[in-house]
Amino acid sequence: MNNLSEILRWAFTAIGAILAIIEPTYPYLFICTIMILADCYTAWSLSKRARKQYPDKVSRDGKKFKSHNFGKVIMTLLKAYALIIMAFMIQQHITDSWPIDLTKVAAGAICFWQLWSILENESSCNGSKWARMLQKILVDKTSRHFDIDLSELKPKEE
């Protein structure tokens, strides 16, 4: 019993130390998590729109959230967390004299990347005026994610 209590005490001490070290990164981790989950939601809504617009091209389960996709989300979250924590550690221990906050740069880059993906998701397979304007700049994810050749479906301009 004594060995078990010592192991637990050591484990909780180690976990507490790790959490104390990364505590300043919590706001950045939270913001990036929200952005990544928002990207997931907009990808799901894109699959619903694509299914409605191209029922013969998108499978019935195209709008379902699959475990494979959940694995990708978890990996994206872990990569984002690792990047933010490493940027914080580098800022604290290597580049502490620099006037640039690397944690904010890393979190900002992740948020920008996710916002770009959200805009691509929302403008894809969307006939709204704002979406057509964004489609001139952004990639239409309908063709990439659902293997739909959009050049065949769009009317030819003369």
N, C-alpha and C. Protein backbone atom coordinates (compact mmCIF):
# COMPACT_ATOMS: atom_id res chain seq x y z
N MET A 1 0.82 -1.20 0.00
CA MET A 1 0.00 0.00 0.00
C MET A 1 0.87 1.26 0.00
N ASN A 2 1.98 1.18 0.69
CA ASN A 2 2.89 2.31 0.77
C ASN A 2 3.49 2.64 -0.59
N ASN A 3 3.84 1.60 -1.37
CA ASN A 3 4.39 1.83 -2.70
C ASN A 3 3.37 2.47 -3.62
N LEU A 4 2.12 2.05 -3.54
CA LEU A 4 1.07 2.61 -4.38
C LEU A 4 0.85 4.08 -4.06
N SER A 5 0.83 4.43 -2.79
CA SER A 5 0.64 5.83 -2.42
C SER A 5 1.83 6.68 -2.86
N GLU A 6 3.02 6.14 -2.81
CA GLU A 6 4.19 6.87 -3.29
C GLU A 6 4.13 7.08 -4.81
N ILE A 7 3.71 6.06 -5.54
CA ILE A 7 3.58 6.17 -7.00
C ILE A 7 2.52 7.21 -7.36
N LEU A 8 1.38 7.15 -6.67
CA LEU A 8 0.33 8.13 -6.93
C LEU A 8 0.78 9.54 -6.58
N ARG A 9 1.47 9.70 -5.47
CA ARG A 9 1.97 11.01 -5.07
C ARG A 9 2.94 11.54 -6.12
N TRP A 10 3.82 10.69 -6.61
CA TRP A 10 4.77 11.09 -7.64
C TRP A 10 4.05 11.45 -8.94
N ALA A 11 3.05 10.63 -9.33
CA ALA A 11 2.31 10.88 -10.57
C ALA A 11 1.55 12.21 -10.50
N PHE A 12 0.85 12.45 -9.37
CA PHE A 12 0.11 13.70 -9.23
C PHE A 12 1.04 14.91 -9.15
N THR A 13 2.20 14.75 -8.57
CA THR A 13 3.18 15.82 -8.53
C THR A 13 3.67 16.14 -9.93
N ALA A 14 3.97 15.11 -10.71
CA ALA A 14 4.43 15.32 -12.09
C ALA A 14 3.34 15.98 -12.94
N ILE A 15 2.11 15.49 -12.82
CA ILE A 15 1.00 16.09 -13.58
C ILE A 15 0.80 17.54 -13.16
N GLY A 16 0.84 17.81 -11.87
CA GLY A 16 0.70 19.19 -11.38
C GLY A 16 1.81 20.10 -11.89
N ALA A 17 3.04 19.58 -11.92
CA ALA A 17 4.16 20.38 -12.42
C ALA A 17 3.98 20.70 -13.90
N ILE A 18 3.58 19.71 -14.68
CA ILE A 18 3.37 19.93 -16.12
C ILE A 18 2.25 20.95 -16.33
N LEU A 19 1.15 20.80 -15.61
CA LEU A 19 0.04 21.76 -15.75
C LEU A 19 0.45 23.17 -15.33
N ALA A 20 1.28 23.27 -14.30
CA ALA A 20 1.75 24.59 -13.87
C ALA A 20 2.66 25.23 -14.91
N ILE A 21 3.45 24.41 -15.59
CA ILE A 21 4.35 24.94 -16.61
C ILE A 21 3.57 25.47 -17.80
N ILE A 22 2.54 24.73 -18.21
CA ILE A 22 1.80 25.14 -19.43
C ILE A 22 0.58 26.01 -19.11
N GLU A 23 0.34 26.33 -17.85
CA GLU A 23 -0.82 27.13 -17.46
C GLU A 23 -0.95 28.44 -18.24
N PRO A 24 0.12 29.17 -18.52
CA PRO A 24 -0.04 30.41 -19.28
C PRO A 24 -0.54 30.20 -20.72
N THR A 25 -0.49 28.98 -21.21
CA THR A 25 -0.93 28.73 -22.59
C THR A 25 -2.42 28.40 -22.67
N TYR A 26 -3.10 28.23 -21.55
CA TYR A 26 -4.51 27.82 -21.56
C TYR A 26 -5.41 28.70 -22.42
N PRO A 27 -5.32 30.04 -22.33
CA PRO A 27 -6.20 30.85 -23.18
C PRO A 27 -5.98 30.59 -24.67
N TYR A 28 -4.74 30.40 -25.08
CA TYR A 28 -4.44 30.15 -26.49
C TYR A 28 -4.93 28.76 -26.91
N LEU A 29 -4.76 27.79 -26.02
CA LEU A 29 -5.26 26.44 -26.31
C LEU A 29 -6.77 26.46 -26.46
N PHE A 30 -7.45 27.20 -25.60
CA PHE A 30 -8.91 27.28 -25.65
C PHE A 30 -9.38 27.93 -26.94
N ILE A 31 -8.78 29.06 -27.31
CA ILE A 31 -9.18 29.76 -28.54
C ILE A 31 -8.95 28.88 -29.77
N CYS A 32 -7.81 28.23 -29.83
CA CYS A 32 -7.52 27.37 -30.98
C CYS A 32 -8.45 26.17 -31.02
N THR A 33 -8.81 25.63 -29.86
CA THR A 33 -9.76 24.52 -29.82
C THR A 33 -11.11 24.96 -30.38
N ILE A 34 -11.57 26.12 -29.99
CA ILE A 34 -12.85 26.65 -30.51
C ILE A 34 -12.78 26.80 -32.02
N MET A 35 -11.68 27.33 -32.54
CA MET A 35 -11.54 27.52 -33.99
C MET A 35 -11.52 26.17 -34.72
N ILE A 36 -10.84 25.19 -34.18
CA ILE A 36 -10.77 23.87 -34.82
C ILE A 36 -12.14 23.21 -34.81
N LEU A 37 -12.86 23.32 -33.70
CA LEU A 37 -14.21 22.76 -33.64
C LEU A 37 -15.18 23.50 -34.56
N ALA A 38 -15.01 24.80 -34.71
CA ALA A 38 -15.84 25.56 -35.65
C ALA A 38 -15.56 25.11 -37.08
N ASP A 39 -14.31 24.82 -37.39
CA ASP A 39 -13.96 24.29 -38.71
C ASP A 39 -14.65 22.95 -38.95
N CYS A 40 -14.68 22.10 -37.93
CA CYS A 40 -15.37 20.81 -38.03
C CYS A 40 -16.85 21.00 -38.31
N TYR A 41 -17.46 21.95 -37.60
CA TYR A 41 -18.88 22.21 -37.80
C TYR A 41 -19.16 22.70 -39.22
N THR A 42 -18.33 23.62 -39.72
CA THR A 42 -18.57 24.13 -41.07
C THR A 42 -18.31 23.06 -42.13
N ALA A 43 -17.38 22.13 -41.88
CA ALA A 43 -17.16 21.02 -42.80
C ALA A 43 -18.38 20.10 -42.81
N TRP A 44 -18.96 19.87 -41.65
CA TRP A 44 -20.18 19.06 -41.56
C TRP A 44 -21.33 19.73 -42.30
N SER A 45 -21.49 21.05 -42.13
CA SER A 45 -22.57 21.75 -42.83
C SER A 45 -22.32 21.77 -44.34
N LEU A 46 -21.06 21.81 -44.75
CA LEU A 46 -20.74 21.71 -46.18
C LEU A 46 -21.19 20.36 -46.73
N SER A 47 -20.94 19.30 -45.99
CA SER A 47 -21.34 17.98 -46.48
C SER A 47 -22.86 17.88 -46.58
N LYS A 48 -23.59 18.54 -45.68
CA LYS A 48 -25.05 18.56 -45.77
C LYS A 48 -25.51 19.32 -47.02
N ARG A 49 -24.88 20.47 -47.28
CA ARG A 49 -25.23 21.26 -48.48
C ARG A 49 -24.91 20.49 -49.74
N ALA A 50 -23.74 19.85 -49.76
CA ALA A 50 -23.34 19.09 -50.95
C ALA A 50 -24.29 17.93 -51.19
N ARG A 51 -24.72 17.28 -50.14
CA ARG A 51 -25.66 16.15 -50.26
C ARG A 51 -26.99 16.64 -50.83
N LYS A 52 -27.43 17.83 -50.38
CA LYS A 52 -28.68 18.40 -50.88
C LYS A 52 -28.58 18.81 -52.34
N GLN A 53 -27.44 19.43 -52.69
CA GLN A 53 -27.27 19.96 -54.04
C GLN A 53 -26.91 18.87 -55.05
N TYR A 54 -26.13 17.89 -54.65
CA TYR A 54 -25.70 16.82 -55.55
C TYR A 54 -26.02 15.45 -54.93
N PRO A 55 -27.30 15.10 -54.82
CA PRO A 55 -27.63 13.84 -54.14
C PRO A 55 -27.09 12.59 -54.84
N ASP A 56 -26.92 12.68 -56.16
CA ASP A 56 -26.39 11.51 -56.89
C ASP A 56 -24.87 11.42 -56.81
N LYS A 57 -24.21 12.48 -56.40
CA LYS A 57 -22.74 12.49 -56.33
C LYS A 57 -22.20 12.26 -54.92
N VAL A 58 -22.99 12.64 -53.90
CA VAL A 58 -22.54 12.51 -52.51
C VAL A 58 -23.33 11.38 -51.86
N SER A 59 -22.62 10.46 -51.22
CA SER A 59 -23.29 9.31 -50.60
C SER A 59 -24.19 9.75 -49.44
N ARG A 60 -25.12 8.89 -49.08
CA ARG A 60 -26.07 9.19 -48.01
C ARG A 60 -25.37 9.46 -46.69
N ASP A 61 -24.29 8.76 -46.45
CA ASP A 61 -23.59 8.98 -45.18
C ASP A 61 -22.51 10.05 -45.31
N GLY A 62 -22.53 10.80 -46.39
CA GLY A 62 -21.56 11.88 -46.59
C GLY A 62 -21.67 12.97 -45.55
N LYS A 63 -22.89 13.15 -44.99
CA LYS A 63 -23.08 14.21 -44.00
C LYS A 63 -22.86 13.75 -42.57
N LYS A 64 -22.53 12.48 -42.39
CA LYS A 64 -22.30 11.94 -41.05
C LYS A 64 -20.87 12.20 -40.60
N PHE A 65 -20.71 12.37 -39.31
CA PHE A 65 -19.38 12.56 -38.74
C PHE A 65 -18.84 11.18 -38.40
N LYS A 66 -17.79 10.77 -39.09
CA LYS A 66 -17.25 9.41 -38.95
C LYS A 66 -16.08 9.39 -37.96
N SER A 67 -15.80 8.20 -37.44
CA SER A 67 -14.71 8.08 -36.47
C SER A 67 -13.37 8.42 -37.11
N HIS A 68 -13.22 8.15 -38.41
CA HIS A 68 -11.99 8.51 -39.12
C HIS A 68 -11.79 10.03 -39.06
N ASN A 69 -12.87 10.76 -39.28
CA ASN A 69 -12.79 12.22 -39.21
C ASN A 69 -12.51 12.69 -37.78
N PHE A 70 -13.07 11.99 -36.81
CA PHE A 70 -12.82 12.34 -35.42
C PHE A 70 -11.34 12.17 -35.09
N GLY A 71 -10.73 11.13 -35.63
CA GLY A 71 -9.30 10.91 -35.44
C GLY A 71 -8.47 12.06 -36.01
N LYS A 72 -8.89 12.55 -37.18
CA LYS A 72 -8.19 13.70 -37.78
C LYS A 72 -8.32 14.94 -36.90
N VAL A 73 -9.51 15.13 -36.33
CA VAL A 73 -9.73 16.29 -35.45
C VAL A 73 -8.83 16.19 -34.22
N ILE A 74 -8.76 15.02 -33.63
CA ILE A 74 -7.92 14.82 -32.44
C ILE A 74 -6.45 15.09 -32.79
N MET A 75 -6.00 14.59 -33.94
CA MET A 75 -4.61 14.83 -34.36
C MET A 75 -4.36 16.32 -34.59
N THR A 76 -5.32 17.01 -35.20
CA THR A 76 -5.17 18.46 -35.42
C THR A 76 -5.09 19.18 -34.08
N LEU A 77 -5.94 18.80 -33.14
CA LEU A 77 -5.88 19.42 -31.81
C LEU A 77 -4.54 19.16 -31.13
N LEU A 78 -4.06 17.93 -31.19
CA LEU A 78 -2.77 17.61 -30.56
C LEU A 78 -1.62 18.38 -31.20
N LYS A 79 -1.64 18.50 -32.53
CA LYS A 79 -0.59 19.26 -33.21
C LYS A 79 -0.64 20.74 -32.81
N ALA A 80 -1.86 21.29 -32.74
CA ALA A 80 -2.00 22.69 -32.34
C ALA A 80 -1.51 22.90 -30.92
N TYR A 81 -1.90 22.00 -30.01
CA TYR A 81 -1.45 22.10 -28.62
C TYR A 81 0.07 22.01 -28.54
N ALA A 82 0.65 21.07 -29.27
CA ALA A 82 2.10 20.90 -29.24
C ALA A 82 2.80 22.16 -29.75
N LEU A 83 2.30 22.73 -30.84
CA LEU A 83 2.91 23.94 -31.40
C LEU A 83 2.85 25.10 -30.41
N ILE A 84 1.69 25.29 -29.80
CA ILE A 84 1.54 26.41 -28.86
C ILE A 84 2.44 26.21 -27.63
N ILE A 85 2.45 25.00 -27.10
CA ILE A 85 3.27 24.74 -25.91
C ILE A 85 4.76 24.86 -26.24
N MET A 86 5.18 24.35 -27.40
CA MET A 86 6.59 24.49 -27.78
C MET A 86 6.96 25.95 -28.00
N ALA A 87 6.06 26.71 -28.64
CA ALA A 87 6.34 28.14 -28.83
C ALA A 87 6.48 28.85 -27.50
N PHE A 88 5.61 28.49 -26.54
CA PHE A 88 5.71 29.09 -25.21
C PHE A 88 7.03 28.73 -24.53
N MET A 89 7.42 27.46 -24.62
CA MET A 89 8.66 27.02 -23.98
C MET A 89 9.88 27.69 -24.64
N ILE A 90 9.87 27.81 -25.95
CA ILE A 90 10.97 28.50 -26.64
C ILE A 90 11.02 29.96 -26.22
N GLN A 91 9.84 30.59 -26.15
CA GLN A 91 9.77 32.00 -25.74
C GLN A 91 10.32 32.18 -24.32
N GLN A 92 9.96 31.28 -23.42
CA GLN A 92 10.38 31.40 -22.03
C GLN A 92 11.86 31.12 -21.81
N HIS A 93 12.41 30.15 -22.55
CA HIS A 93 13.75 29.67 -22.21
C HIS A 93 14.84 29.98 -23.24
N ILE A 94 14.46 30.32 -24.46
CA ILE A 94 15.48 30.55 -25.49
C ILE A 94 15.45 31.99 -25.99
N THR A 95 14.27 32.47 -26.34
CA THR A 95 14.18 33.80 -26.96
C THR A 95 13.50 34.80 -26.03
N ASP A 96 13.75 34.69 -24.74
CA ASP A 96 13.06 35.55 -23.77
C ASP A 96 13.37 37.04 -23.93
N SER A 97 14.45 37.37 -24.60
CA SER A 97 14.78 38.78 -24.78
C SER A 97 14.18 39.38 -26.07
N TRP A 98 13.58 38.55 -26.88
CA TRP A 98 12.96 39.06 -28.11
C TRP A 98 11.66 39.79 -27.79
N PRO A 99 11.36 40.83 -28.56
CA PRO A 99 10.11 41.57 -28.30
C PRO A 99 8.87 40.88 -28.89
N ILE A 100 9.04 39.72 -29.53
CA ILE A 100 7.93 39.01 -30.16
C ILE A 100 7.47 37.88 -29.24
N ASP A 101 6.15 37.80 -29.02
CA ASP A 101 5.59 36.71 -28.22
C ASP A 101 5.27 35.54 -29.15
N LEU A 102 6.12 34.53 -29.13
CA LEU A 102 5.97 33.39 -30.04
C LEU A 102 4.69 32.61 -29.80
N THR A 103 4.20 32.59 -28.57
CA THR A 103 2.95 31.89 -28.27
C THR A 103 1.80 32.53 -29.02
N LYS A 104 1.76 33.86 -29.01
CA LYS A 104 0.70 34.57 -29.74
C LYS A 104 0.84 34.39 -31.24
N VAL A 105 2.07 34.34 -31.74
CA VAL A 105 2.30 34.12 -33.17
C VAL A 105 1.81 32.73 -33.57
N ALA A 106 2.14 31.72 -32.77
CA ALA A 106 1.71 30.35 -33.08
C ALA A 106 0.19 30.23 -33.03
N ALA A 107 -0.43 30.76 -31.97
CA ALA A 107 -1.89 30.71 -31.86
C ALA A 107 -2.56 31.50 -32.97
N GLY A 108 -1.98 32.65 -33.31
CA GLY A 108 -2.53 33.45 -34.41
C GLY A 108 -2.46 32.73 -35.74
N ALA A 109 -1.35 32.03 -35.98
CA ALA A 109 -1.21 31.28 -37.24
C ALA A 109 -2.23 30.14 -37.31
N ILE A 110 -2.43 29.45 -36.19
CA ILE A 110 -3.42 28.37 -36.16
C ILE A 110 -4.82 28.93 -36.40
N CYS A 111 -5.15 30.02 -35.72
CA CYS A 111 -6.47 30.63 -35.88
C CYS A 111 -6.68 31.13 -37.31
N PHE A 112 -5.65 31.73 -37.90
CA PHE A 112 -5.77 32.19 -39.29
C PHE A 112 -6.02 31.02 -40.23
N TRP A 113 -5.26 29.94 -40.04
CA TRP A 113 -5.42 28.74 -40.87
C TRP A 113 -6.83 28.17 -40.75
N GLN A 114 -7.33 28.10 -39.54
CA GLN A 114 -8.68 27.57 -39.31
C GLN A 114 -9.75 28.50 -39.86
N LEU A 115 -9.56 29.81 -39.71
CA LEU A 115 -10.52 30.78 -40.26
C LEU A 115 -10.57 30.67 -41.77
N TRP A 116 -9.42 30.50 -42.40
CA TRP A 116 -9.37 30.32 -43.86
C TRP A 116 -10.15 29.07 -44.26
N SER A 117 -9.96 28.00 -43.54
CA SER A 117 -10.68 26.75 -43.82
C SER A 117 -12.18 26.92 -43.59
N ILE A 118 -12.55 27.65 -42.55
CA ILE A 118 -13.98 27.91 -42.28
C ILE A 118 -14.60 28.69 -43.44
N LEU A 119 -13.90 29.70 -43.92
CA LEU A 119 -14.41 30.47 -45.05
C LEU A 119 -14.51 29.62 -46.32
N GLU A 120 -13.54 28.73 -46.54
CA GLU A 120 -13.63 27.81 -47.67
C GLU A 120 -14.84 26.89 -47.54
N ASN A 121 -15.05 26.37 -46.35
CA ASN A 121 -16.20 25.49 -46.12
C ASN A 121 -17.52 26.22 -46.35
N GLU A 122 -17.62 27.42 -45.81
CA GLU A 122 -18.87 28.16 -45.92
C GLU A 122 -19.16 28.65 -47.33
N SER A 123 -18.12 28.95 -48.10
CA SER A 123 -18.35 29.44 -49.46
C SER A 123 -18.51 28.32 -50.47
N SER A 124 -18.05 27.13 -50.14
CA SER A 124 -18.16 25.99 -51.06
C SER A 124 -19.61 25.53 -51.15
N CYS A 125 -20.03 25.22 -52.37
CA CYS A 125 -21.36 24.67 -52.61
C CYS A 125 -22.44 25.61 -52.07
N ASN A 126 -22.19 26.90 -52.21
CA ASN A 126 -23.08 27.92 -51.68
C ASN A 126 -23.32 28.94 -52.79
N GLY A 127 -24.57 29.21 -53.09
CA GLY A 127 -24.90 30.12 -54.18
C GLY A 127 -25.06 31.56 -53.78
N SER A 128 -24.83 31.89 -52.53
CA SER A 128 -24.98 33.27 -52.06
C SER A 128 -24.00 34.19 -52.77
N LYS A 129 -24.36 35.47 -52.82
CA LYS A 129 -23.50 36.45 -53.49
C LYS A 129 -22.14 36.55 -52.82
N TRP A 130 -22.12 36.59 -51.47
CA TRP A 130 -20.86 36.69 -50.75
C TRP A 130 -20.01 35.44 -50.96
N ALA A 131 -20.67 34.29 -51.08
CA ALA A 131 -19.94 33.04 -51.27
C ALA A 131 -19.31 32.99 -52.66
N ARG A 132 -20.05 33.46 -53.67
CA ARG A 132 -19.49 33.49 -55.03
C ARG A 132 -18.29 34.43 -55.11
N MET A 133 -18.35 35.52 -54.34
CA MET A 133 -17.23 36.45 -54.32
C MET A 133 -16.00 35.77 -53.67
N LEU A 134 -16.23 35.07 -52.55
CA LEU A 134 -15.12 34.38 -51.88
C LEU A 134 -14.56 33.24 -52.72
N GLN A 135 -15.39 32.60 -53.55
CA GLN A 135 -14.94 31.49 -54.37
C GLN A 135 -13.91 31.92 -55.42
N LYS A 136 -13.84 33.22 -55.69
CA LYS A 136 -12.81 33.72 -56.61
C LYS A 136 -11.43 33.70 -55.95
N ILE A 137 -11.41 33.72 -54.63
CA ILE A 137 -10.15 33.76 -53.88
C ILE A 137 -9.83 32.40 -53.26
N LEU A 138 -10.84 31.75 -52.73
CA LEU A 138 -10.66 30.52 -51.96
C LEU A 138 -10.89 29.27 -52.81
N VAL A 139 -10.49 28.13 -52.29
CA VAL A 139 -10.67 26.85 -52.95
C VAL A 139 -12.09 26.36 -52.68
N ASP A 140 -12.73 25.78 -53.67
CA ASP A 140 -14.03 25.16 -53.47
C ASP A 140 -13.80 23.73 -53.00
N LYS A 141 -14.12 23.46 -51.75
CA LYS A 141 -13.84 22.16 -51.17
C LYS A 141 -14.79 21.07 -51.65
N THR A 142 -15.84 21.42 -52.36
CA THR A 142 -16.78 20.42 -52.84
C THR A 142 -16.08 19.40 -53.72
N SER A 143 -15.28 19.88 -54.63
CA SER A 143 -14.60 18.96 -55.55
C SER A 143 -13.52 18.15 -54.83
N ARG A 144 -12.83 18.76 -53.90
CA ARG A 144 -11.74 18.07 -53.22
C ARG A 144 -12.24 17.00 -52.26
N HIS A 145 -13.30 17.29 -51.50
CA HIS A 145 -13.75 16.36 -50.48
C HIS A 145 -14.75 15.31 -50.98
N PHE A 146 -15.46 15.63 -52.05
CA PHE A 146 -16.51 14.72 -52.50
C PHE A 146 -16.26 14.18 -53.90
N ASP A 147 -15.08 14.44 -54.46
CA ASP A 147 -14.72 13.97 -55.81
C ASP A 147 -15.78 14.34 -56.85
N ILE A 148 -16.21 15.60 -56.79
CA ILE A 148 -17.18 16.11 -57.76
C ILE A 148 -16.45 17.06 -58.68
N ASP A 149 -16.49 16.80 -59.98
CA ASP A 149 -15.85 17.68 -60.95
C ASP A 149 -16.79 18.85 -61.22
N LEU A 150 -16.46 19.99 -60.64
CA LEU A 150 -17.34 21.15 -60.75
C LEU A 150 -17.33 21.77 -62.14
N SER A 151 -16.30 21.54 -62.92
CA SER A 151 -16.25 22.12 -64.27
C SER A 151 -17.35 21.54 -65.14
N GLU A 152 -17.75 20.30 -64.89
CA GLU A 152 -18.84 19.69 -65.66
C GLU A 152 -20.19 20.26 -65.26
N LEU A 153 -20.32 20.71 -64.02
CA LEU A 153 -21.62 21.14 -63.50
C LEU A 153 -21.87 22.62 -63.71
N LYS A 154 -20.84 23.42 -63.85
CA LYS A 154 -21.02 24.86 -64.00
C LYS A 154 -21.38 25.18 -65.44
N PRO A 155 -22.26 26.16 -65.65
CA PRO A 155 -22.60 26.55 -67.03
C PRO A 155 -21.40 27.20 -67.71
N LYS A 156 -21.24 26.92 -68.99
CA LYS A 156 -20.13 27.48 -69.73
C LYS A 156 -20.43 28.91 -70.13
N GLU A 157 -19.44 29.78 -69.94
CA GLU A 157 -19.61 31.19 -70.31
C GLU A 157 -19.13 31.35 -71.74
N GLU A 158 -19.89 32.12 -72.48
CA GLU A 158 -19.52 32.34 -73.89
C GLU A 158 -19.04 33.74 -74.11
